[in-house]
Amino acid sequence: MLKVPGTGAAGTNGARVDKIGALAAHVVEHALASGLSWDEAILAFGVAAKAIAARAADEGAGTVEQCAGLAERRLKSGMTQSADVLRAFLR
């Protein structure tokens, strides 16, 4: 099961987990169809994370450095999750 820090008792807020799973599945489908190699797609995710962090900073969530640092920690946290959570979304 996907664990999302900050989403309740065990990090398993159902609606939030479902949204994250659906977005992840959407991103994976587009990455696989992009024609990029798997490692190029991963690079694109990092670039996208930094762009989202910059936008969050523009909207007052913190400095660019703070938001980028949180983005990096969240990406690393995501890497600790089992990809099995996406099976239902990728069928």
PDB file of N, CA and C in Angstrom:
ATOM      1  N   MET A   1       0.837  -1.188   0.000  1.00  0.00           N
ATOM      2  CA  MET A   1       0.000   0.000   0.000  1.00  0.00           C
ATOM      3  C   MET A   1       0.871   1.237   0.000  1.00  0.00           C
ATOM      4  N   LEU A   2       0.481   2.221  -0.741  1.00  0.00           N
ATOM      5  CA  LEU A   2       1.178   3.492  -0.816  1.00  0.00           C
ATOM      6  C   LEU A   2       1.046   4.220   0.511  1.00  0.00           C
ATOM      7  N   LYS A   3       2.147   4.718   1.029  1.00  0.00           N
ATOM      8  CA  LYS A   3       2.162   5.509   2.256  1.00  0.00           C
ATOM      9  C   LYS A   3       2.536   6.930   1.890  1.00  0.00           C
ATOM     10  N   VAL A   4       1.695   7.866   2.284  1.00  0.00           N
ATOM     11  CA  VAL A   4       1.918   9.266   1.946  1.00  0.00           C
ATOM     12  C   VAL A   4       2.086  10.056   3.235  1.00  0.00           C
ATOM     13  N   PRO A   5       3.307  10.542   3.515  1.00  0.00           N
ATOM     14  CA  PRO A   5       3.520  11.321   4.727  1.00  0.00           C
ATOM     15  C   PRO A   5       2.570  12.505   4.802  1.00  0.00           C
ATOM     16  N   GLY A   6       2.041  12.734   5.993  1.00  0.00           N
ATOM     17  CA  GLY A   6       1.174  13.887   6.202  1.00  0.00           C
ATOM     18  C   GLY A   6      -0.256  13.696   5.759  1.00  0.00           C
ATOM     19  N   THR A   7      -0.709  12.438   5.596  1.00  0.00           N
ATOM     20  CA  THR A   7      -2.085  12.218   5.146  1.00  0.00           C
ATOM     21  C   THR A   7      -2.908  11.444   6.167  1.00  0.00           C
ATOM     22  N   GLY A   8      -2.552  11.556   7.408  1.00  0.00           N
ATOM     23  CA  GLY A   8      -3.384  10.902   8.418  1.00  0.00           C
ATOM     24  C   GLY A   8      -2.618   9.877   9.225  1.00  0.00           C
ATOM     25  N   ALA A   9      -3.364   9.120  10.004  1.00  0.00           N
ATOM     26  CA  ALA A   9      -2.812   8.204  10.995  1.00  0.00           C
ATOM     27  C   ALA A   9      -1.673   7.349  10.464  1.00  0.00           C
ATOM     28  N   ALA A  10      -1.913   6.583   9.450  1.00  0.00           N
ATOM     29  CA  ALA A  10      -0.871   5.693   8.923  1.00  0.00           C
ATOM     30  C   ALA A  10      -0.369   6.156   7.565  1.00  0.00           C
ATOM     31  N   GLY A  11      -0.686   7.390   7.191  1.00  0.00           N
ATOM     32  CA  GLY A  11      -0.269   7.876   5.877  1.00  0.00           C
ATOM     33  C   GLY A  11      -1.034   7.219   4.749  1.00  0.00           C
ATOM     34  N   THR A  12      -2.272   6.830   5.029  1.00  0.00           N
ATOM     35  CA  THR A  12      -3.032   6.099   4.020  1.00  0.00           C
ATOM     36  C   THR A  12      -4.388   6.734   3.741  1.00  0.00           C
ATOM     37  N   ASN A  13      -4.463   8.046   3.706  1.00  0.00           N
ATOM     38  CA  ASN A  13      -5.693   8.739   3.357  1.00  0.00           C
ATOM     39  C   ASN A  13      -6.135   8.241   1.988  1.00  0.00           C
ATOM     40  N   GLY A  14      -7.246   7.524   1.948  1.00  0.00           N
ATOM     41  CA  GLY A  14      -7.686   6.848   0.726  1.00  0.00           C
ATOM     42  C   GLY A  14      -7.815   7.738  -0.493  1.00  0.00           C
ATOM     43  N   ALA A  15      -8.462   8.876  -0.345  1.00  0.00           N
ATOM     44  CA  ALA A  15      -8.669   9.766  -1.496  1.00  0.00           C
ATOM     45  C   ALA A  15      -7.338  10.311  -2.005  1.00  0.00           C
ATOM     46  N   ARG A  16      -6.462  10.703  -1.101  1.00  0.00           N
ATOM     47  CA  ARG A  16      -5.159  11.246  -1.488  1.00  0.00           C
ATOM     48  C   ARG A  16      -4.314  10.164  -2.165  1.00  0.00           C
ATOM     49  N   VAL A  17      -4.329   8.969  -1.597  1.00  0.00           N
ATOM     50  CA  VAL A  17      -3.579   7.849  -2.173  1.00  0.00           C
ATOM     51  C   VAL A  17      -4.095   7.536  -3.575  1.00  0.00           C
ATOM     52  N   ASP A  18      -5.421   7.538  -3.743  1.00  0.00           N
ATOM     53  CA  ASP A  18      -6.002   7.277  -5.061  1.00  0.00           C
ATOM     54  C   ASP A  18      -5.572   8.333  -6.080  1.00  0.00           C
ATOM     55  N   LYS A  19      -5.558   9.607  -5.673  1.00  0.00           N
ATOM     56  CA  LYS A  19      -5.149  10.677  -6.582  1.00  0.00           C
ATOM     57  C   LYS A  19      -3.681  10.535  -6.976  1.00  0.00           C
ATOM     58  N   ILE A  20      -2.840  10.211  -5.998  1.00  0.00           N
ATOM     59  CA  ILE A  20      -1.418  10.043  -6.293  1.00  0.00           C
ATOM     60  C   ILE A  20      -1.216   8.849  -7.212  1.00  0.00           C
ATOM     61  N   GLY A  21      -1.904   7.759  -6.942  1.00  0.00           N
ATOM     62  CA  GLY A  21      -1.789   6.578  -7.800  1.00  0.00           C
ATOM     63  C   GLY A  21      -2.254   6.844  -9.217  1.00  0.00           C
ATOM     64  N   ALA A  22      -3.369   7.559  -9.351  1.00  0.00           N
ATOM     65  CA  ALA A  22      -3.891   7.868 -10.684  1.00  0.00           C
ATOM     66  C   ALA A  22      -2.931   8.777 -11.446  1.00  0.00           C
ATOM     67  N   LEU A  23      -2.375   9.790 -10.769  1.00  0.00           N
ATOM     68  CA  LEU A  23      -1.417  10.672 -11.436  1.00  0.00           C
ATOM     69  C   LEU A  23      -0.161   9.908 -11.820  1.00  0.00           C
ATOM     70  N   ALA A  24       0.335   9.089 -10.916  1.00  0.00           N
ATOM     71  CA  ALA A  24       1.535   8.301 -11.221  1.00  0.00           C
ATOM     72  C   ALA A  24       1.296   7.385 -12.419  1.00  0.00           C
ATOM     73  N   ALA A  25       0.148   6.745 -12.466  1.00  0.00           N
ATOM     74  CA  ALA A  25      -0.170   5.861 -13.591  1.00  0.00           C
ATOM     75  C   ALA A  25      -0.229   6.654 -14.894  1.00  0.00           C
ATOM     76  N   HIS A  26      -0.832   7.827 -14.852  1.00  0.00           N
ATOM     77  CA  HIS A  26      -0.927   8.696 -16.034  1.00  0.00           C
ATOM     78  C   HIS A  26       0.476   9.077 -16.519  1.00  0.00           C
ATOM     79  N   VAL A  27       1.327   9.459 -15.594  1.00  0.00           N
ATOM     80  CA  VAL A  27       2.690   9.855 -15.936  1.00  0.00           C
ATOM     81  C   VAL A  27       3.456   8.674 -16.531  1.00  0.00           C
ATOM     82  N   VAL A  28       3.304   7.491 -15.929  1.00  0.00           N
ATOM     83  CA  VAL A  28       3.992   6.306 -16.435  1.00  0.00           C
ATOM     84  C   VAL A  28       3.527   5.987 -17.850  1.00  0.00           C
ATOM     85  N   GLU A  29       2.229   6.038 -18.092  1.00  0.00           N
ATOM     86  CA  GLU A  29       1.709   5.753 -19.435  1.00  0.00           C
ATOM     87  C   GLU A  29       2.294   6.711 -20.469  1.00  0.00           C
ATOM     88  N   HIS A  30       2.349   7.988 -20.127  1.00  0.00           N
ATOM     89  CA  HIS A  30       2.902   8.975 -21.056  1.00  0.00           C
ATOM     90  C   HIS A  30       4.403   8.795 -21.235  1.00  0.00           C
ATOM     91  N   ALA A  31       5.102   8.458 -20.170  1.00  0.00           N
ATOM     92  CA  ALA A  31       6.541   8.232 -20.272  1.00  0.00           C
ATOM     93  C   ALA A  31       6.834   7.043 -21.179  1.00  0.00           C
ATOM     94  N   LEU A  32       6.067   5.970 -21.035  1.00  0.00           N
ATOM     95  CA  LEU A  32       6.288   4.785 -21.859  1.00  0.00           C
ATOM     96  C   LEU A  32       5.981   5.054 -23.326  1.00  0.00           C
ATOM     97  N   ALA A  33       5.042   5.950 -23.583  1.00  0.00           N
ATOM     98  CA  ALA A  33       4.660   6.265 -24.955  1.00  0.00           C
ATOM     99  C   ALA A  33       5.503   7.398 -25.566  1.00  0.00           C
ATOM    100  N   SER A  34       6.380   7.992 -24.785  1.00  0.00           N
ATOM    101  CA  SER A  34       7.117   9.180 -25.231  1.00  0.00           C
ATOM    102  C   SER A  34       8.219   8.895 -26.241  1.00  0.00           C
ATOM    103  N   GLY A  35       8.690   7.666 -26.286  1.00  0.00           N
ATOM    104  CA  GLY A  35       9.814   7.348 -27.139  1.00  0.00           C
ATOM    105  C   GLY A  35      11.156   7.592 -26.466  1.00  0.00           C
ATOM    106  N   LEU A  36      11.131   8.114 -25.250  1.00  0.00           N
ATOM    107  CA  LEU A  36      12.361   8.296 -24.487  1.00  0.00           C
ATOM    108  C   LEU A  36      12.776   6.974 -23.869  1.00  0.00           C
ATOM    109  N   SER A  37      14.063   6.849 -23.594  1.00  0.00           N
ATOM    110  CA  SER A  37      14.514   5.686 -22.831  1.00  0.00           C
ATOM    111  C   SER A  37      14.013   5.852 -21.398  1.00  0.00           C
ATOM    112  N   TRP A  38      14.014   4.770 -20.641  1.00  0.00           N
ATOM    113  CA  TRP A  38      13.507   4.847 -19.270  1.00  0.00           C
ATOM    114  C   TRP A  38      14.297   5.850 -18.449  1.00  0.00           C
ATOM    115  N   ASP A  39      15.623   5.910 -18.635  1.00  0.00           N
ATOM    116  CA  ASP A  39      16.416   6.829 -17.820  1.00  0.00           C
ATOM    117  C   ASP A  39      16.231   8.281 -18.261  1.00  0.00           C
ATOM    118  N   GLU A  40      15.938   8.503 -19.538  1.00  0.00           N
ATOM    119  CA  GLU A  40      15.620   9.858 -19.992  1.00  0.00           C
ATOM    120  C   GLU A  40      14.280  10.304 -19.409  1.00  0.00           C
ATOM    121  N   ALA A  41      13.336   9.387 -19.312  1.00  0.00           N
ATOM    122  CA  ALA A  41      12.039   9.714 -18.700  1.00  0.00           C
ATOM    123  C   ALA A  41      12.218  10.082 -17.229  1.00  0.00           C
ATOM    124  N   ILE A  42      13.095   9.377 -16.534  1.00  0.00           N
ATOM    125  CA  ILE A  42      13.365   9.692 -15.128  1.00  0.00           C
ATOM    126  C   ILE A  42      13.977  11.090 -15.019  1.00  0.00           C
ATOM    127  N   LEU A  43      14.891  11.416 -15.926  1.00  0.00           N
ATOM    128  CA  LEU A  43      15.468  12.758 -15.946  1.00  0.00           C
ATOM    129  C   LEU A  43      14.366  13.806 -16.116  1.00  0.00           C
ATOM    130  N   ALA A  44      13.421  13.526 -17.003  1.00  0.00           N
ATOM    131  CA  ALA A  44      12.302  14.455 -17.217  1.00  0.00           C
ATOM    132  C   ALA A  44      11.482  14.638 -15.949  1.00  0.00           C
ATOM    133  N   PHE A  45      11.308  13.580 -15.157  1.00  0.00           N
ATOM    134  CA  PHE A  45      10.566  13.691 -13.898  1.00  0.00           C
ATOM    135  C   PHE A  45      11.282  14.640 -12.942  1.00  0.00           C
ATOM    136  N   GLY A  46      12.612  14.551 -12.911  1.00  0.00           N
ATOM    137  CA  GLY A  46      13.378  15.449 -12.053  1.00  0.00           C
ATOM    138  C   GLY A  46      13.244  16.899 -12.478  1.00  0.00           C
ATOM    139  N   VAL A  47      13.297  17.136 -13.791  1.00  0.00           N
ATOM    140  CA  VAL A  47      13.121  18.496 -14.320  1.00  0.00           C
ATOM    141  C   VAL A  47      11.715  19.005 -13.973  1.00  0.00           C
ATOM    142  N   ALA A  48      10.722  18.143 -14.148  1.00  0.00           N
ATOM    143  CA  ALA A  48       9.342  18.528 -13.824  1.00  0.00           C
ATOM    144  C   ALA A  48       9.197  18.837 -12.337  1.00  0.00           C
ATOM    145  N   ALA A  49       9.843  18.047 -11.492  1.00  0.00           N
ATOM    146  CA  ALA A  49       9.770  18.278 -10.043  1.00  0.00           C
ATOM    147  C   ALA A  49      10.352  19.647  -9.698  1.00  0.00           C
ATOM    148  N   LYS A  50      11.458  19.984 -10.325  1.00  0.00           N
ATOM    149  CA  LYS A  50      12.072  21.285 -10.048  1.00  0.00           C
ATOM    150  C   LYS A  50      11.178  22.427 -10.537  1.00  0.00           C
ATOM    151  N   ALA A  51      10.529  22.250 -11.675  1.00  0.00           N
ATOM    152  CA  ALA A  51       9.621  23.277 -12.195  1.00  0.00           C
ATOM    153  C   ALA A  51       8.404  23.444 -11.282  1.00  0.00           C
ATOM    154  N   ILE A  52       7.876  22.339 -10.784  1.00  0.00           N
ATOM    155  CA  ILE A  52       6.739  22.417  -9.853  1.00  0.00           C
ATOM    156  C   ILE A  52       7.169  23.112  -8.568  1.00  0.00           C
ATOM    157  N   ALA A  53       8.366  22.804  -8.090  1.00  0.00           N
ATOM    158  CA  ALA A  53       8.880  23.438  -6.879  1.00  0.00           C
ATOM    159  C   ALA A  53       9.043  24.947  -7.079  1.00  0.00           C
ATOM    160  N   ALA A  54       9.541  25.350  -8.242  1.00  0.00           N
ATOM    161  CA  ALA A  54       9.696  26.779  -8.534  1.00  0.00           C
ATOM    162  C   ALA A  54       8.341  27.471  -8.550  1.00  0.00           C
ATOM    163  N   ARG A  55       7.349  26.804  -9.114  1.00  0.00           N
ATOM    164  CA  ARG A  55       5.985  27.374  -9.140  1.00  0.00           C
ATOM    165  C   ARG A  55       5.435  27.502  -7.725  1.00  0.00           C
ATOM    166  N   ALA A  56       5.672  26.468  -6.901  1.00  0.00           N
ATOM    167  CA  ALA A  56       5.223  26.526  -5.509  1.00  0.00           C
ATOM    168  C   ALA A  56       5.892  27.698  -4.782  1.00  0.00           C
ATOM    169  N   ALA A  57       7.164  27.920  -5.041  1.00  0.00           N
ATOM    170  CA  ALA A  57       7.872  29.048  -4.430  1.00  0.00           C
ATOM    171  C   ALA A  57       7.271  30.371  -4.886  1.00  0.00           C
ATOM    172  N   ASP A  58       6.960  30.459  -6.180  1.00  0.00           N
ATOM    173  CA  ASP A  58       6.319  31.671  -6.708  1.00  0.00           C
ATOM    174  C   ASP A  58       4.989  31.943  -6.015  1.00  0.00           C
ATOM    175  N   GLU A  59       4.318  30.874  -5.588  1.00  0.00           N
ATOM    176  CA  GLU A  59       3.011  31.008  -4.939  1.00  0.00           C
ATOM    177  C   GLU A  59       3.122  31.130  -3.422  1.00  0.00           C
ATOM    178  N   GLY A  60       4.364  31.273  -2.912  1.00  0.00           N
ATOM    179  CA  GLY A  60       4.553  31.551  -1.497  1.00  0.00           C
ATOM    180  C   GLY A  60       4.770  30.356  -0.592  1.00  0.00           C
ATOM    181  N   ALA A  61       5.051  29.202  -1.154  1.00  0.00           N
ATOM    182  CA  ALA A  61       5.247  28.005  -0.332  1.00  0.00           C
ATOM    183  C   ALA A  61       6.616  27.968   0.336  1.00  0.00           C
ATOM    184  N   GLY A  62       7.473  28.893   0.016  1.00  0.00           N
ATOM    185  CA  GLY A  62       8.828  28.947   0.557  1.00  0.00           C
ATOM    186  C   GLY A  62       9.759  29.476  -0.507  1.00  0.00           C
ATOM    187  N   THR A  63      11.052  29.415  -0.208  1.00  0.00           N
ATOM    188  CA  THR A  63      12.021  29.831  -1.206  1.00  0.00           C
ATOM    189  C   THR A  63      12.134  28.727  -2.256  1.00  0.00           C
ATOM    190  N   VAL A  64      12.748  29.069  -3.384  1.00  0.00           N
ATOM    191  CA  VAL A  64      12.979  28.061  -4.415  1.00  0.00           C
ATOM    192  C   VAL A  64      13.810  26.920  -3.838  1.00  0.00           C
ATOM    193  N   GLU A  65      14.822  27.263  -3.042  1.00  0.00           N
ATOM    194  CA  GLU A  65      15.689  26.241  -2.454  1.00  0.00           C
ATOM    195  C   GLU A  65      14.914  25.334  -1.495  1.00  0.00           C
ATOM    196  N   GLN A  66      14.049  25.925  -0.663  1.00  0.00           N
ATOM    197  CA  GLN A  66      13.249  25.131   0.262  1.00  0.00           C
ATOM    198  C   GLN A  66      12.299  24.200  -0.485  1.00  0.00           C
ATOM    199  N   CYS A  67      11.632  24.735  -1.483  1.00  0.00           N
ATOM    200  CA  CYS A  67      10.676  23.928  -2.250  1.00  0.00           C
ATOM    201  C   CYS A  67      11.389  22.847  -3.048  1.00  0.00           C
ATOM    202  N   ALA A  68      12.536  23.178  -3.638  1.00  0.00           N
ATOM    203  CA  ALA A  68      13.301  22.179  -4.386  1.00  0.00           C
ATOM    204  C   ALA A  68      13.817  21.091  -3.453  1.00  0.00           C
ATOM    205  N   GLY A  69      14.216  21.471  -2.243  1.00  0.00           N
ATOM    206  CA  GLY A  69      14.669  20.483  -1.261  1.00  0.00           C
ATOM    207  C   GLY A  69      13.549  19.529  -0.876  1.00  0.00           C
ATOM    208  N   LEU A  70      12.359  20.077  -0.652  1.00  0.00           N
ATOM    209  CA  LEU A  70      11.212  19.223  -0.335  1.00  0.00           C
ATOM    210  C   LEU A  70      10.866  18.336  -1.518  1.00  0.00           C
ATOM    211  N   ALA A  71      10.932  18.884  -2.716  1.00  0.00           N
ATOM    212  CA  ALA A  71      10.656  18.086  -3.920  1.00  0.00           C
ATOM    213  C   ALA A  71      11.625  16.914  -4.007  1.00  0.00           C
ATOM    214  N   GLU A  72      12.889  17.168  -3.748  1.00  0.00           N
ATOM    215  CA  GLU A  72      13.881  16.093  -3.809  1.00  0.00           C
ATOM    216  C   GLU A  72      13.590  15.020  -2.748  1.00  0.00           C
ATOM    217  N   ARG A  73      13.238  15.452  -1.540  1.00  0.00           N
ATOM    218  CA  ARG A  73      12.906  14.476  -0.489  1.00  0.00           C
ATOM    219  C   ARG A  73      11.672  13.663  -0.854  1.00  0.00           C
ATOM    220  N   ARG A  74      10.692  14.304  -1.464  1.00  0.00           N
ATOM    221  CA  ARG A  74       9.477  13.589  -1.863  1.00  0.00           C
ATOM    222  C   ARG A  74       9.760  12.606  -2.991  1.00  0.00           C
ATOM    223  N   LEU A  75      10.602  13.002  -3.951  1.00  0.00           N
ATOM    224  CA  LEU A  75      10.987  12.072  -5.017  1.00  0.00           C
ATOM    225  C   LEU A  75      11.674  10.853  -4.428  1.00  0.00           C
ATOM    226  N   LYS A  76      12.583  11.078  -3.495  1.00  0.00           N
ATOM    227  CA  LYS A  76      13.282   9.965  -2.851  1.00  0.00           C
ATOM    228  C   LYS A  76      12.306   9.106  -2.056  1.00  0.00           C
ATOM    229  N   SER A  77      11.347   9.721  -1.394  1.00  0.00           N
ATOM    230  CA  SER A  77      10.324   8.966  -0.659  1.00  0.00           C
ATOM    231  C   SER A  77       9.511   8.117  -1.619  1.00  0.00           C
ATOM    232  N   GLY A  78       9.177   8.690  -2.764  1.00  0.00           N
ATOM    233  CA  GLY A  78       8.433   7.940  -3.778  1.00  0.00           C
ATOM    234  C   GLY A  78       9.204   6.724  -4.262  1.00  0.00           C
ATOM    235  N   MET A  79      10.515   6.841  -4.316  1.00  0.00           N
ATOM    236  CA  MET A  79      11.349   5.726  -4.766  1.00  0.00           C
ATOM    237  C   MET A  79      11.347   4.579  -3.761  1.00  0.00           C
ATOM    238  N   THR A  80      10.930   4.846  -2.523  1.00  0.00           N
ATOM    239  CA  THR A  80      10.879   3.767  -1.528  1.00  0.00           C
ATOM    240  C   THR A  80       9.569   2.996  -1.600  1.00  0.00           C
ATOM    241  N   GLN A  81       8.617   3.498  -2.378  1.00  0.00           N
ATOM    242  CA  GLN A  81       7.303   2.866  -2.496  1.00  0.00           C
ATOM    243  C   GLN A  81       7.366   1.694  -3.471  1.00  0.00           C
ATOM    244  N   SER A  82       6.471   0.775  -3.273  1.00  0.00           N
ATOM    245  CA  SER A  82       6.366  -0.354  -4.191  1.00  0.00           C
ATOM    246  C   SER A  82       5.617   0.075  -5.448  1.00  0.00           C
ATOM    247  N   ALA A  83       6.143  -0.287  -6.597  1.00  0.00           N
ATOM    248  CA  ALA A  83       5.455   0.014  -7.859  1.00  0.00           C
ATOM    249  C   ALA A  83       4.196  -0.822  -8.006  1.00  0.00           C
ATOM    250  N   ASP A  84       4.010  -1.818  -7.152  1.00  0.00           N
ATOM    251  CA  ASP A  84       2.816  -2.655  -7.210  1.00  0.00           C
ATOM    252  C   ASP A  84       1.544  -1.848  -7.027  1.00  0.00           C
ATOM    253  N   VAL A  85       1.636  -0.683  -6.375  1.00  0.00           N
ATOM    254  CA  VAL A  85       0.434   0.117  -6.138  1.00  0.00           C
ATOM    255  C   VAL A  85      -0.178   0.608  -7.428  1.00  0.00           C
ATOM    256  N   LEU A  86       0.592   0.606  -8.529  1.00  0.00           N
ATOM    257  CA  LEU A  86       0.081   1.114  -9.794  1.00  0.00           C
ATOM    258  C   LEU A  86      -0.599   0.052 -10.644  1.00  0.00           C
ATOM    259  N   ARG A  87      -0.509  -1.185 -10.271  1.00  0.00           N
ATOM    260  CA  ARG A  87      -1.059  -2.248 -11.109  1.00  0.00           C
ATOM    261  C   ARG A  87      -2.527  -2.016 -11.461  1.00  0.00           C
ATOM    262  N   ALA A  88      -3.316  -1.604 -10.503  1.00  0.00           N
ATOM    263  CA  ALA A  88      -4.743  -1.392 -10.756  1.00  0.00           C
ATOM    264  C   ALA A  88      -4.960  -0.267 -11.757  1.00  0.00           C
ATOM    265  N   PHE A  89      -4.080   0.723 -11.761  1.00  0.00           N
ATOM    266  CA  PHE A  89      -4.248   1.865 -12.646  1.00  0.00           C
ATOM    267  C   PHE A  89      -3.725   1.595 -14.050  1.00  0.00           C
ATOM    268  N   LEU A  90      -2.798   0.667 -14.205  1.00  0.00           N
ATOM    269  CA  LEU A  90      -2.147   0.437 -15.484  1.00  0.00           C
ATOM    270  C   LEU A  90      -2.778  -0.683 -16.310  1.00  0.00           C
ATOM    271  N   ARG A  91      -3.872  -1.213 -15.867  1.00  0.00           N
ATOM    272  CA  ARG A  91      -4.525  -2.301 -16.602  1.00  0.00           C
ATOM    273  C   ARG A  91      -5.551  -1.768 -17.564  1.00  0.00           C
TER     274      ARG A  91
END
